[in-house]
């Protein structure tokens, strides 16, 4: 209860601090770009996503934005988004539900990506991200139709699945390990594990090349993982495992870290792209400070 109240107050303060994002010109789309942006969005992150989208789109040409509403977006939210993002298309979670995958916890998002990659290069862009510098690696990935993921450590590479399973087994501790670690430790039970790869990336920012995977691929792999892991496959965090699997098993790379990193790296680096993940999002006011600087630059 206390955490929810604290988070609510912090978000109110942050929205006030970046309110001038509503004065920045609407997103300029490039009809010649092969890339589209998809985000899953809730009401309380609406201004946050506008800031993310505007700072990203001035550095990486995109042709279209798709918003997957969690059901909390109001008519006012949609009107504001439509004004600032010309031609934005709204989806509902029910548009992409599947009986073969968990429901909620962002699973509809990866299934939406599976639909969109039939025709586009798709960039999953979380609302709590901020582009602060040039993103030439992302531009290059789009140009060469290469999938990418946001890394979590320096010099990270995409590895063989069996190697990842061994590392996870060695790292597990406690009677109830985090679901991501648990899932990774059982990768050696996947039927095709000897021919598959994996990377511990972040689903908050990922690129998916055109035609890189299908809904059927996700559903089949999800069903197999559920048969291995059991009911815990329905927990929060498994969609990130699936995103990592999809990226790793296509023509892909890990974006250089810490140039692309989370907010926990701000003390040792000056990233060009930052994911302000929950536990360090509002610490020290860095998110709002960088956000206001970005708004001034956009203006």
Protein backbone atom coordinates (compact mmCIF):
# COMPACT_ATOMS: atom_id res chain seq x y z
CA UNK A 1 0.00 0.00 0.00
CA UNK A 2 2.79 2.44 0.96
CA UNK A 3 4.76 1.59 -2.20
CA UNK A 4 1.75 2.26 -4.45
CA UNK A 5 1.13 5.61 -2.78
CA UNK A 6 4.80 6.56 -3.07
CA UNK A 7 4.86 5.56 -6.74
CA UNK A 8 1.66 7.52 -7.41
CA UNK A 9 3.12 10.68 -5.88
CA UNK A 10 6.41 10.26 -7.72
CA UNK A 11 4.59 9.88 -11.03
CA UNK A 12 2.50 13.00 -10.39
CA UNK A 13 5.65 14.99 -9.68
CA UNK A 14 7.40 13.56 -12.75
CA UNK A 15 4.44 14.33 -15.04
CA UNK A 16 4.50 17.92 -13.77
CA UNK A 17 8.25 18.18 -14.34
CA UNK A 18 7.98 17.03 -17.98
CA UNK A 19 4.66 18.69 -18.79
CA UNK A 20 6.33 20.77 -21.51
CA UNK A 21 6.56 17.62 -23.63
CA UNK A 22 3.01 18.59 -24.63
CA UNK A 23 4.44 21.79 -26.14
CA UNK A 24 6.91 19.96 -28.33
CA UNK A 25 5.90 19.56 -31.98
CA UNK A 26 4.19 16.28 -32.89
CA UNK A 27 6.27 13.28 -33.91
CA UNK A 28 7.48 13.53 -37.50
CA UNK A 29 7.03 10.25 -39.31
CA UNK A 30 9.02 9.09 -42.32
CA UNK A 31 6.82 7.17 -44.78
CA UNK A 32 9.95 5.69 -46.36
CA UNK A 33 11.17 4.09 -43.14
CA UNK A 34 10.92 0.31 -42.81
CA UNK A 35 10.54 0.59 -39.04
CA UNK A 36 7.45 0.95 -36.87
CA UNK A 37 7.19 1.41 -33.11
CA UNK A 38 4.98 -0.65 -30.81
CA UNK A 39 4.40 0.02 -27.13
CA UNK A 40 2.10 -1.40 -24.49
CA UNK A 41 0.75 1.58 -22.60
CA UNK A 42 -1.25 2.40 -19.48
CA UNK A 43 -2.88 5.67 -18.48
CA UNK A 44 -0.29 6.64 -15.89
CA UNK A 45 2.58 6.36 -18.42
CA UNK A 46 1.02 8.43 -21.20
CA UNK A 47 3.25 11.55 -20.91
CA UNK A 48 6.22 9.32 -20.22
CA UNK A 49 5.71 7.55 -23.54
CA UNK A 50 5.29 10.82 -25.44
CA UNK A 51 8.72 11.83 -24.19
CA UNK A 52 10.17 8.45 -25.12
CA UNK A 53 8.64 8.50 -28.59
CA UNK A 54 9.63 12.08 -29.38
CA UNK A 55 13.25 11.69 -28.29
CA UNK A 56 13.54 8.39 -30.17
CA UNK A 57 11.87 9.42 -33.43
CA UNK A 58 14.14 12.45 -33.97
CA UNK A 59 17.10 10.04 -34.04
CA UNK A 60 15.60 6.96 -35.69
CA UNK A 61 13.20 7.41 -38.62
CA UNK A 62 9.94 5.52 -38.12
CA UNK A 63 6.87 5.29 -40.33
CA UNK A 64 4.16 4.36 -37.84
CA UNK A 65 3.35 4.02 -34.13
CA UNK A 66 1.10 1.33 -32.64
CA UNK A 67 -0.16 1.55 -29.06
CA UNK A 68 -1.39 -1.55 -27.27
CA UNK A 69 -3.69 -0.24 -24.54
CA UNK A 70 -3.91 -2.16 -21.30
CA UNK A 71 -7.50 -0.92 -20.99
CA UNK A 72 -6.78 2.09 -18.80
CA UNK A 73 -6.20 4.68 -21.55
CA UNK A 74 -8.97 7.27 -21.47
CA UNK A 75 -10.56 9.04 -24.41
CA UNK A 76 -8.55 12.10 -23.40
CA UNK A 77 -5.32 10.05 -23.42
CA UNK A 78 -6.08 8.76 -26.90
CA UNK A 79 -6.91 12.26 -28.15
CA UNK A 80 -3.60 13.60 -26.84
CA UNK A 81 -1.65 10.70 -28.32
CA UNK A 82 -3.42 11.10 -31.66
CA UNK A 83 -2.51 14.79 -31.76
CA UNK A 84 1.15 14.22 -30.93
CA UNK A 85 1.61 11.03 -32.98
CA UNK A 86 -0.12 11.42 -36.37
CA UNK A 87 -1.89 8.28 -37.49
CA UNK A 88 -1.28 6.34 -34.29
CA UNK A 89 -3.17 3.04 -34.21
CA UNK A 90 -4.63 1.68 -30.98
CA UNK A 91 -4.94 -2.01 -30.15
CA UNK A 92 -6.57 -3.73 -27.19
CA UNK A 93 -5.09 -6.64 -25.27
CA UNK A 94 -7.97 -8.83 -26.41
CA UNK A 95 -6.83 -8.35 -30.02
CA UNK A 96 -3.81 -10.56 -29.32
CA UNK A 97 -4.76 -12.98 -26.57
CA UNK A 98 -3.94 -16.66 -27.00
CA UNK A 99 -5.06 -19.80 -25.22
CA UNK A 100 -1.57 -21.23 -25.78
CA UNK A 101 0.27 -18.43 -23.96
CA UNK A 102 -0.06 -16.78 -20.55
CA UNK A 103 -2.44 -13.83 -20.41
CA UNK A 104 -1.35 -10.42 -19.22
CA UNK A 105 2.23 -9.66 -18.10
CA UNK A 106 2.96 -8.25 -21.59
CA UNK A 107 2.35 -11.52 -23.45
CA UNK A 108 -0.13 -9.81 -25.74
CA UNK A 109 2.70 -7.44 -26.67
CA UNK A 110 4.99 -10.13 -28.08
CA UNK A 111 2.02 -11.59 -29.96
CA UNK A 112 1.28 -8.14 -31.41
CA UNK A 113 4.90 -7.93 -32.56
CA UNK A 114 4.46 -11.34 -34.22
CA UNK A 115 1.59 -9.91 -36.25
CA UNK A 116 3.36 -6.68 -37.19
CA UNK A 117 6.63 -8.31 -38.31
CA UNK A 118 4.74 -9.86 -41.19
CA UNK A 119 5.02 -6.47 -42.90
CA UNK A 120 7.44 -4.32 -40.88
CA UNK A 121 10.62 -4.03 -38.91
CA UNK A 122 9.18 -3.62 -35.39
CA UNK A 123 10.75 -1.74 -32.49
CA UNK A 124 9.29 -2.43 -29.05
CA UNK A 125 9.74 0.85 -27.16
CA UNK A 126 8.76 1.07 -23.50
CA UNK A 127 7.42 4.35 -22.18
CA UNK A 128 10.12 4.58 -19.51
CA UNK A 129 12.95 4.96 -22.02
CA UNK A 130 14.79 8.07 -23.15
CA UNK A 131 16.99 8.67 -26.19
CA UNK A 132 19.73 11.12 -25.26
CA UNK A 133 22.24 10.77 -28.10
CA UNK A 134 22.81 9.34 -31.55
CA UNK A 135 21.51 5.81 -32.09
CA UNK A 136 23.42 4.83 -35.21
CA UNK A 137 23.51 1.15 -34.21
CA UNK A 138 19.71 1.02 -34.22
CA UNK A 139 19.56 2.81 -37.58
CA UNK A 140 22.05 0.27 -38.95
CA UNK A 141 20.03 -2.67 -37.61
CA UNK A 142 16.95 -1.38 -39.42
CA UNK A 143 18.93 -0.87 -42.62
CA UNK A 144 20.34 -4.42 -42.54
CA UNK A 145 17.15 -6.01 -41.17
CA UNK A 146 18.95 -7.18 -38.04
CA UNK A 147 17.09 -7.80 -34.79
CA UNK A 148 18.51 -6.32 -31.58
CA UNK A 149 18.07 -6.28 -27.84
CA UNK A 150 19.05 -3.96 -25.02
CA UNK A 151 21.91 -5.62 -23.17
CA UNK A 152 22.39 -5.89 -19.42
CA UNK A 153 26.21 -6.15 -19.17
CA UNK A 154 29.28 -4.94 -21.03
CA UNK A 155 30.57 -6.94 -24.02
CA UNK A 156 27.48 -9.13 -24.05
CA UNK A 157 26.97 -11.59 -26.88
CA UNK A 158 24.26 -14.01 -27.96
CA UNK A 159 25.22 -17.45 -26.69
CA UNK A 160 24.32 -21.08 -27.26
CA UNK A 161 21.23 -22.12 -25.34
CA UNK A 162 22.91 -25.08 -23.62
CA UNK A 163 25.65 -22.81 -22.29
CA UNK A 164 23.02 -20.41 -20.93
CA UNK A 165 21.23 -23.29 -19.21
CA UNK A 166 24.46 -24.38 -17.49
CA UNK A 167 25.17 -20.84 -16.31
CA UNK A 168 21.64 -20.49 -14.93
CA UNK A 169 21.87 -23.79 -13.05
CA UNK A 170 25.11 -22.64 -11.44
CA UNK A 171 23.59 -19.30 -10.44
CA UNK A 172 20.33 -20.49 -8.90
CA UNK A 173 19.97 -20.10 -5.16
CA UNK A 174 17.05 -20.36 -2.76
CA UNK A 175 13.95 -22.51 -2.86
CA UNK A 176 12.06 -20.23 -5.23
CA UNK A 177 14.38 -18.62 -7.78
CA UNK A 178 13.17 -15.82 -10.03
CA UNK A 179 11.11 -17.23 -12.88
CA UNK A 180 13.53 -15.96 -15.51
CA UNK A 181 16.45 -17.79 -13.90
CA UNK A 182 14.30 -20.88 -13.39
CA UNK A 183 13.21 -20.92 -17.03
CA UNK A 184 16.76 -20.46 -18.28
CA UNK A 185 17.98 -23.34 -16.09
CA UNK A 186 15.57 -25.68 -17.91
CA UNK A 187 16.54 -24.67 -21.46
CA UNK A 188 18.39 -27.98 -21.86
CA UNK A 189 14.99 -29.71 -21.84
CA UNK A 190 13.73 -27.89 -24.95
CA UNK A 191 13.57 -30.31 -27.85
CA UNK A 192 15.68 -28.22 -30.24
CA UNK A 193 17.99 -26.71 -27.59
CA UNK A 194 21.19 -27.86 -29.34
CA UNK A 195 20.34 -25.66 -32.32
CA UNK A 196 19.04 -22.63 -30.42
CA UNK A 197 20.59 -19.51 -28.88
CA UNK A 198 19.71 -17.16 -26.07
CA UNK A 199 20.61 -13.76 -24.66
CA UNK A 200 19.66 -12.19 -21.34
CA UNK A 201 18.40 -8.93 -22.82
CA UNK A 202 15.67 -6.49 -21.88
CA UNK A 203 12.26 -6.60 -23.54
CA UNK A 204 11.75 -2.88 -22.84
CA UNK A 205 13.72 -2.01 -25.97
CA UNK A 206 14.09 -4.55 -28.73
CA UNK A 207 14.05 -4.66 -32.52
CA UNK A 208 12.49 -7.46 -34.54
CA UNK A 209 13.40 -7.89 -38.19
CA UNK A 210 10.70 -8.35 -40.78
CA UNK A 211 9.47 -11.93 -40.91
CA UNK A 212 11.76 -12.95 -38.03
CA UNK A 213 9.17 -15.03 -36.22
CA UNK A 214 5.50 -15.95 -36.14
CA UNK A 215 2.66 -16.25 -33.65
CA UNK A 216 2.83 -20.03 -34.07
CA UNK A 217 6.51 -19.99 -33.07
CA UNK A 218 5.69 -18.13 -29.84
CA UNK A 219 2.71 -20.32 -29.03
CA UNK A 220 4.59 -23.59 -29.60
CA UNK A 221 7.62 -22.50 -27.61
CA UNK A 222 5.43 -21.14 -24.81
CA UNK A 223 3.51 -24.43 -24.59
CA UNK A 224 6.77 -26.35 -24.45
CA UNK A 225 8.17 -24.12 -21.70
CA UNK A 226 4.97 -24.42 -19.67
CA UNK A 227 5.18 -28.20 -19.87
CA UNK A 228 8.73 -27.98 -18.52
CA UNK A 229 8.40 -25.23 -15.89
CA UNK A 230 4.79 -25.78 -14.87
CA UNK A 231 2.33 -23.15 -13.54
CA UNK A 232 5.13 -20.69 -12.81
CA UNK A 233 5.33 -20.03 -16.55
CA UNK A 234 2.34 -17.72 -16.01
CA UNK A 235 4.32 -15.40 -13.74
CA UNK A 236 5.53 -11.91 -14.61
CA UNK A 237 8.89 -12.12 -16.38
CA UNK A 238 8.30 -14.97 -18.79
CA UNK A 239 7.41 -12.63 -21.67
CA UNK A 240 10.90 -11.19 -21.38
CA UNK A 241 12.30 -14.70 -21.66
CA UNK A 242 10.27 -15.17 -24.84
CA UNK A 243 11.40 -11.82 -26.26
CA UNK A 244 15.02 -12.84 -25.61
CA UNK A 245 14.44 -16.18 -27.32
CA UNK A 246 12.86 -14.58 -30.37
CA UNK A 247 15.67 -12.05 -30.80
CA UNK A 248 18.47 -14.55 -30.18
CA UNK A 249 17.15 -17.03 -32.74
CA UNK A 250 16.99 -14.56 -35.59
CA UNK A 251 19.74 -12.59 -37.32
CA UNK A 252 20.52 -10.36 -34.34
CA UNK A 253 22.92 -8.54 -32.05
CA UNK A 254 23.15 -6.98 -28.59
CA UNK A 255 23.36 -3.19 -28.56
CA UNK A 256 26.65 -1.94 -27.05
CA UNK A 257 26.50 -1.52 -23.29
CA UNK A 258 26.62 0.93 -21.49
CA UNK A 259 25.91 3.20 -24.49
CA UNK A 260 22.48 1.56 -24.38
CA UNK A 261 21.70 0.74 -20.76
CA UNK A 262 19.44 1.10 -17.75
CA UNK A 263 19.38 3.98 -15.27
CA UNK A 264 21.65 2.07 -12.89
CA UNK A 265 24.55 2.86 -15.26
CA UNK A 266 24.13 6.65 -15.16
CA UNK A 267 26.78 7.02 -12.47
CA UNK A 268 29.53 5.49 -14.60
CA UNK A 269 28.54 6.37 -18.14
CA UNK A 270 26.76 8.88 -20.34
CA UNK A 271 24.43 6.60 -22.30
CA UNK A 272 22.80 7.55 -25.59
CA UNK A 273 19.76 5.49 -24.64
CA UNK A 274 18.47 4.81 -21.13
CA UNK A 275 15.79 2.46 -19.83
CA UNK A 276 14.55 3.92 -16.53
CA UNK A 277 13.51 0.63 -14.99
CA UNK A 278 11.32 0.64 -11.91
CA UNK A 279 13.69 0.29 -8.98
CA UNK A 280 15.97 3.16 -10.07
CA UNK A 281 13.51 5.19 -12.15
CA UNK A 282 12.99 8.12 -9.82
CA UNK A 283 16.14 7.86 -7.71
CA UNK A 284 18.00 11.16 -7.47
CA UNK A 285 15.80 12.94 -10.01
CA UNK A 286 17.96 11.92 -12.99
CA UNK A 287 14.98 10.86 -15.11
CA UNK A 288 13.24 14.23 -14.78
CA UNK A 289 16.48 16.15 -15.22
CA UNK A 290 17.41 14.35 -18.43
CA UNK A 291 13.80 14.55 -19.58
CA UNK A 292 13.67 18.32 -19.20
CA UNK A 293 17.00 18.69 -21.00
CA UNK A 294 15.67 16.52 -23.83
CA UNK A 295 12.53 18.64 -24.09
CA UNK A 296 14.60 21.81 -24.34
CA UNK A 297 16.68 20.21 -27.09
CA UNK A 298 13.54 19.13 -28.98
CA UNK A 299 12.21 22.68 -28.83
